[in-house]
Amino acid sequence: MYTYFAITSLGIRVHRRVAALVTLVQTSQMLAGIGITLFVFYIKTQTKVKCQQSFGNLNLAFAIYLSFAFLFIRFFIQSYLLGSKAKKAEMEAKKTS
């Protein structure tokens, strides 16, 4: 991801599929984070295994991963699935406000 941002910040255009792949990888990372957080919560609450993770940290991790997953999914849908339709609607909304 950081290599992608470094390349694009230099003004180098990358293929649209590469940009979509970067977004998918980031989304996958957030979904994995949600899964791991839920698994640790399960270990902490449903097993006798000692787990030093605090509930506050689990809540924070879940909130962060969930919010980022939502944002990445929304970005992917608007940028790569809806494409120009979303951009046109956004431009029309800006013109009317």
N, C-alpha and C. Protein backbone atom coordinates (compact mmCIF):
# COMPACT_ATOMS: atom_id res chain seq x y z
N MET A 1 0.82 -1.18 0.00
CA MET A 1 0.00 0.00 0.00
C MET A 1 0.87 1.25 0.00
N TYR A 2 1.90 1.28 0.85
CA TYR A 2 2.73 2.48 0.92
C TYR A 2 3.52 2.69 -0.36
N THR A 3 3.92 1.59 -0.98
CA THR A 3 4.60 1.71 -2.28
C THR A 3 3.65 2.30 -3.31
N TYR A 4 2.41 1.85 -3.30
CA TYR A 4 1.40 2.37 -4.22
C TYR A 4 1.22 3.87 -4.01
N PHE A 5 1.08 4.30 -2.77
CA PHE A 5 0.89 5.73 -2.49
C PHE A 5 2.13 6.54 -2.85
N ALA A 6 3.31 5.98 -2.64
CA ALA A 6 4.55 6.67 -3.02
C ALA A 6 4.61 6.87 -4.53
N ILE A 7 4.27 5.82 -5.25
CA ILE A 7 4.29 5.90 -6.72
C ILE A 7 3.28 6.92 -7.23
N THR A 8 2.06 6.88 -6.70
CA THR A 8 1.04 7.81 -7.17
C THR A 8 1.33 9.24 -6.73
N SER A 9 1.99 9.42 -5.58
CA SER A 9 2.33 10.78 -5.15
C SER A 9 3.39 11.41 -6.03
N LEU A 10 4.15 10.58 -6.73
CA LEU A 10 5.13 11.08 -7.69
C LEU A 10 4.50 11.43 -9.03
N GLY A 11 3.19 11.22 -9.13
CA GLY A 11 2.47 11.55 -10.35
C GLY A 11 2.43 10.42 -11.36
N ILE A 12 2.91 9.26 -10.96
CA ILE A 12 2.90 8.11 -11.86
C ILE A 12 1.52 7.46 -11.79
N ARG A 13 0.91 7.29 -12.94
CA ARG A 13 -0.42 6.68 -13.01
C ARG A 13 -0.27 5.16 -13.03
N VAL A 14 -1.06 4.49 -12.24
CA VAL A 14 -1.06 3.03 -12.24
C VAL A 14 -2.36 2.55 -12.86
N HIS A 15 -2.32 1.33 -13.33
CA HIS A 15 -3.51 0.75 -13.95
C HIS A 15 -4.63 0.68 -12.92
N ARG A 16 -5.83 0.88 -13.39
CA ARG A 16 -7.01 0.87 -12.51
C ARG A 16 -7.15 -0.45 -11.75
N ARG A 17 -6.77 -1.53 -12.36
CA ARG A 17 -6.84 -2.83 -11.68
C ARG A 17 -5.88 -2.91 -10.50
N VAL A 18 -4.73 -2.27 -10.63
CA VAL A 18 -3.78 -2.25 -9.51
C VAL A 18 -4.36 -1.46 -8.35
N ALA A 19 -4.96 -0.33 -8.65
CA ALA A 19 -5.59 0.48 -7.60
C ALA A 19 -6.71 -0.30 -6.92
N ALA A 20 -7.51 -1.00 -7.70
CA ALA A 20 -8.60 -1.80 -7.13
C ALA A 20 -8.04 -2.93 -6.28
N LEU A 21 -6.94 -3.54 -6.72
CA LEU A 21 -6.31 -4.62 -5.96
C LEU A 21 -5.79 -4.11 -4.61
N VAL A 22 -5.19 -2.94 -4.60
CA VAL A 22 -4.71 -2.35 -3.35
C VAL A 22 -5.88 -2.15 -2.39
N THR A 23 -6.99 -1.65 -2.91
CA THR A 23 -8.18 -1.45 -2.07
C THR A 23 -8.71 -2.78 -1.55
N LEU A 24 -8.73 -3.80 -2.38
CA LEU A 24 -9.19 -5.13 -1.95
C LEU A 24 -8.29 -5.72 -0.87
N VAL A 25 -6.99 -5.54 -1.03
CA VAL A 25 -6.05 -6.05 -0.03
C VAL A 25 -6.26 -5.34 1.30
N GLN A 26 -6.43 -4.03 1.26
CA GLN A 26 -6.69 -3.27 2.49
C GLN A 26 -8.00 -3.69 3.14
N THR A 27 -9.03 -3.91 2.32
CA THR A 27 -10.32 -4.35 2.84
C THR A 27 -10.17 -5.72 3.49
N SER A 28 -9.44 -6.61 2.84
CA SER A 28 -9.20 -7.94 3.41
C SER A 28 -8.47 -7.85 4.75
N GLN A 29 -7.53 -6.94 4.85
CA GLN A 29 -6.81 -6.75 6.11
C GLN A 29 -7.78 -6.32 7.21
N MET A 30 -8.69 -5.42 6.91
CA MET A 30 -9.65 -4.95 7.91
C MET A 30 -10.61 -6.07 8.32
N LEU A 31 -11.07 -6.86 7.34
CA LEU A 31 -11.96 -7.98 7.66
C LEU A 31 -11.25 -9.05 8.47
N ALA A 32 -9.97 -9.28 8.17
CA ALA A 32 -9.18 -10.22 8.98
C ALA A 32 -9.03 -9.69 10.40
N GLY A 33 -8.83 -8.40 10.54
CA GLY A 33 -8.72 -7.79 11.87
C GLY A 33 -9.99 -7.98 12.67
N ILE A 34 -11.14 -7.83 12.01
CA ILE A 34 -12.43 -8.07 12.69
C ILE A 34 -12.51 -9.52 13.14
N GLY A 35 -12.14 -10.44 12.25
CA GLY A 35 -12.18 -11.86 12.58
C GLY A 35 -11.27 -12.22 13.75
N ILE A 36 -10.06 -11.69 13.73
CA ILE A 36 -9.11 -11.96 14.82
C ILE A 36 -9.62 -11.37 16.13
N THR A 37 -10.16 -10.17 16.08
CA THR A 37 -10.70 -9.54 17.29
C THR A 37 -11.85 -10.36 17.86
N LEU A 38 -12.74 -10.83 16.99
CA LEU A 38 -13.85 -11.67 17.45
C LEU A 38 -13.35 -13.00 18.03
N PHE A 39 -12.31 -13.56 17.42
CA PHE A 39 -11.74 -14.82 17.91
C PHE A 39 -11.11 -14.63 19.29
N VAL A 40 -10.39 -13.54 19.48
CA VAL A 40 -9.79 -13.26 20.78
C VAL A 40 -10.89 -13.02 21.82
N PHE A 41 -11.95 -12.34 21.43
CA PHE A 41 -13.09 -12.14 22.33
C PHE A 41 -13.67 -13.49 22.74
N TYR A 42 -13.82 -14.38 21.77
CA TYR A 42 -14.32 -15.73 22.06
C TYR A 42 -13.40 -16.45 23.04
N ILE A 43 -12.11 -16.42 22.79
CA ILE A 43 -11.15 -17.06 23.69
C ILE A 43 -11.26 -16.49 25.09
N LYS A 44 -11.38 -15.19 25.19
CA LYS A 44 -11.43 -14.52 26.49
C LYS A 44 -12.71 -14.84 27.26
N THR A 45 -13.82 -15.00 26.55
CA THR A 45 -15.10 -15.15 27.24
C THR A 45 -15.61 -16.59 27.30
N GLN A 46 -15.18 -17.46 26.38
CA GLN A 46 -15.77 -18.78 26.29
C GLN A 46 -14.83 -19.93 26.62
N THR A 47 -13.56 -19.65 26.86
CA THR A 47 -12.61 -20.72 27.16
C THR A 47 -11.93 -20.43 28.49
N LYS A 48 -11.20 -21.40 28.94
CA LYS A 48 -10.45 -21.24 30.19
C LYS A 48 -9.01 -20.83 29.94
N VAL A 49 -8.69 -20.57 28.69
CA VAL A 49 -7.35 -20.12 28.33
C VAL A 49 -7.16 -18.70 28.84
N LYS A 50 -6.03 -18.47 29.50
CA LYS A 50 -5.76 -17.12 30.02
C LYS A 50 -5.43 -16.21 28.84
N CYS A 51 -6.17 -15.12 28.77
CA CYS A 51 -6.00 -14.14 27.69
C CYS A 51 -5.79 -12.78 28.32
N GLN A 52 -4.66 -12.17 28.04
CA GLN A 52 -4.32 -10.90 28.67
C GLN A 52 -4.86 -9.69 27.93
N GLN A 53 -5.62 -9.93 26.90
CA GLN A 53 -6.21 -8.82 26.15
C GLN A 53 -7.36 -8.21 26.97
N SER A 54 -7.36 -6.90 27.09
CA SER A 54 -8.42 -6.23 27.87
C SER A 54 -9.66 -6.05 27.00
N PHE A 55 -10.82 -5.96 27.66
CA PHE A 55 -12.06 -5.71 26.92
C PHE A 55 -12.04 -4.33 26.26
N GLY A 56 -11.43 -3.37 26.91
CA GLY A 56 -11.33 -2.04 26.32
C GLY A 56 -10.56 -2.07 25.01
N ASN A 57 -9.46 -2.81 25.00
CA ASN A 57 -8.66 -2.92 23.79
C ASN A 57 -9.42 -3.67 22.70
N LEU A 58 -10.13 -4.72 23.09
CA LEU A 58 -10.93 -5.46 22.12
C LEU A 58 -12.03 -4.58 21.52
N ASN A 59 -12.69 -3.81 22.35
CA ASN A 59 -13.73 -2.90 21.85
C ASN A 59 -13.15 -1.88 20.89
N LEU A 60 -12.01 -1.31 21.26
CA LEU A 60 -11.36 -0.32 20.40
C LEU A 60 -10.93 -0.95 19.07
N ALA A 61 -10.31 -2.12 19.13
CA ALA A 61 -9.86 -2.79 17.91
C ALA A 61 -11.04 -3.10 17.00
N PHE A 62 -12.12 -3.61 17.59
CA PHE A 62 -13.31 -3.93 16.79
C PHE A 62 -13.88 -2.68 16.13
N ALA A 63 -13.98 -1.59 16.89
CA ALA A 63 -14.53 -0.35 16.35
C ALA A 63 -13.66 0.19 15.21
N ILE A 64 -12.35 0.15 15.40
CA ILE A 64 -11.45 0.67 14.37
C ILE A 64 -11.52 -0.19 13.11
N TYR A 65 -11.38 -1.52 13.28
CA TYR A 65 -11.42 -2.39 12.11
C TYR A 65 -12.76 -2.33 11.39
N LEU A 66 -13.85 -2.26 12.15
CA LEU A 66 -15.17 -2.19 11.53
C LEU A 66 -15.36 -0.89 10.76
N SER A 67 -14.94 0.22 11.34
CA SER A 67 -15.11 1.50 10.65
C SER A 67 -14.24 1.58 9.39
N PHE A 68 -13.00 1.10 9.48
CA PHE A 68 -12.14 1.11 8.30
C PHE A 68 -12.66 0.15 7.23
N ALA A 69 -13.16 -1.01 7.64
CA ALA A 69 -13.73 -1.95 6.67
C ALA A 69 -14.90 -1.31 5.95
N PHE A 70 -15.77 -0.65 6.70
CA PHE A 70 -16.92 0.04 6.10
C PHE A 70 -16.44 1.08 5.08
N LEU A 71 -15.45 1.88 5.47
CA LEU A 71 -14.96 2.93 4.57
C LEU A 71 -14.30 2.36 3.32
N PHE A 72 -13.49 1.30 3.46
CA PHE A 72 -12.84 0.70 2.30
C PHE A 72 -13.86 0.06 1.37
N ILE A 73 -14.86 -0.62 1.94
CA ILE A 73 -15.89 -1.24 1.10
C ILE A 73 -16.68 -0.16 0.36
N ARG A 74 -17.03 0.89 1.07
CA ARG A 74 -17.77 2.00 0.44
C ARG A 74 -16.95 2.64 -0.68
N PHE A 75 -15.66 2.86 -0.41
CA PHE A 75 -14.77 3.44 -1.42
C PHE A 75 -14.67 2.53 -2.64
N PHE A 76 -14.52 1.21 -2.41
CA PHE A 76 -14.41 0.27 -3.52
C PHE A 76 -15.67 0.29 -4.38
N ILE A 77 -16.81 0.27 -3.74
CA ILE A 77 -18.08 0.27 -4.49
C ILE A 77 -18.21 1.55 -5.31
N GLN A 78 -17.94 2.68 -4.68
CA GLN A 78 -18.10 3.96 -5.39
C GLN A 78 -17.06 4.14 -6.48
N SER A 79 -15.85 3.69 -6.24
CA SER A 79 -14.77 3.94 -7.20
C SER A 79 -14.69 2.92 -8.33
N TYR A 80 -14.94 1.65 -8.02
CA TYR A 80 -14.67 0.61 -9.01
C TYR A 80 -15.91 -0.12 -9.49
N LEU A 81 -16.98 -0.08 -8.75
CA LEU A 81 -18.20 -0.75 -9.21
C LEU A 81 -19.17 0.23 -9.84
N LEU A 82 -19.39 1.35 -9.16
CA LEU A 82 -20.28 2.37 -9.72
C LEU A 82 -19.56 3.26 -10.71
N GLY A 83 -18.29 3.50 -10.46
CA GLY A 83 -17.44 4.26 -11.38
C GLY A 83 -17.94 5.65 -11.65
N SER A 84 -18.12 5.96 -12.90
CA SER A 84 -18.46 7.32 -13.32
C SER A 84 -19.87 7.72 -12.89
N LYS A 85 -20.75 6.76 -12.65
CA LYS A 85 -22.10 7.11 -12.20
C LYS A 85 -22.04 7.83 -10.86
N ALA A 86 -21.21 7.34 -9.95
CA ALA A 86 -21.09 7.96 -8.63
C ALA A 86 -20.46 9.34 -8.75
N LYS A 87 -19.48 9.48 -9.63
CA LYS A 87 -18.83 10.78 -9.81
C LYS A 87 -19.80 11.79 -10.39
N LYS A 88 -20.62 11.38 -11.36
CA LYS A 88 -21.60 12.28 -11.95
C LYS A 88 -22.63 12.72 -10.91
N ALA A 89 -23.09 11.78 -10.09
CA ALA A 89 -24.07 12.13 -9.06
C ALA A 89 -23.48 13.07 -8.03
N GLU A 90 -22.22 12.87 -7.70
CA GLU A 90 -21.53 13.74 -6.75
C GLU A 90 -21.37 15.15 -7.32
N MET A 91 -21.04 15.25 -8.58
CA MET A 91 -20.89 16.55 -9.22
C MET A 91 -22.21 17.28 -9.29
N GLU A 92 -23.29 16.56 -9.59
CA GLU A 92 -24.62 17.16 -9.65
C GLU A 92 -25.04 17.64 -8.26
N ALA A 93 -24.72 16.88 -7.23
CA ALA A 93 -25.07 17.27 -5.86
C ALA A 93 -24.32 18.53 -5.46
N LYS A 94 -23.07 18.67 -5.88
CA LYS A 94 -22.28 19.86 -5.56
C LYS A 94 -22.82 21.09 -6.30
N LYS A 95 -23.32 20.89 -7.51
CA LYS A 95 -23.85 22.00 -8.29
C LYS A 95 -25.13 22.56 -7.67
N THR A 96 -25.95 21.68 -7.11
CA THR A 96 -27.22 22.11 -6.56
C THR A 96 -27.10 22.70 -5.16
N SER A 97 -25.98 22.44 -4.47
CA SER A 97 -25.85 22.98 -3.11
C SER A 97 -25.15 24.29 -3.05
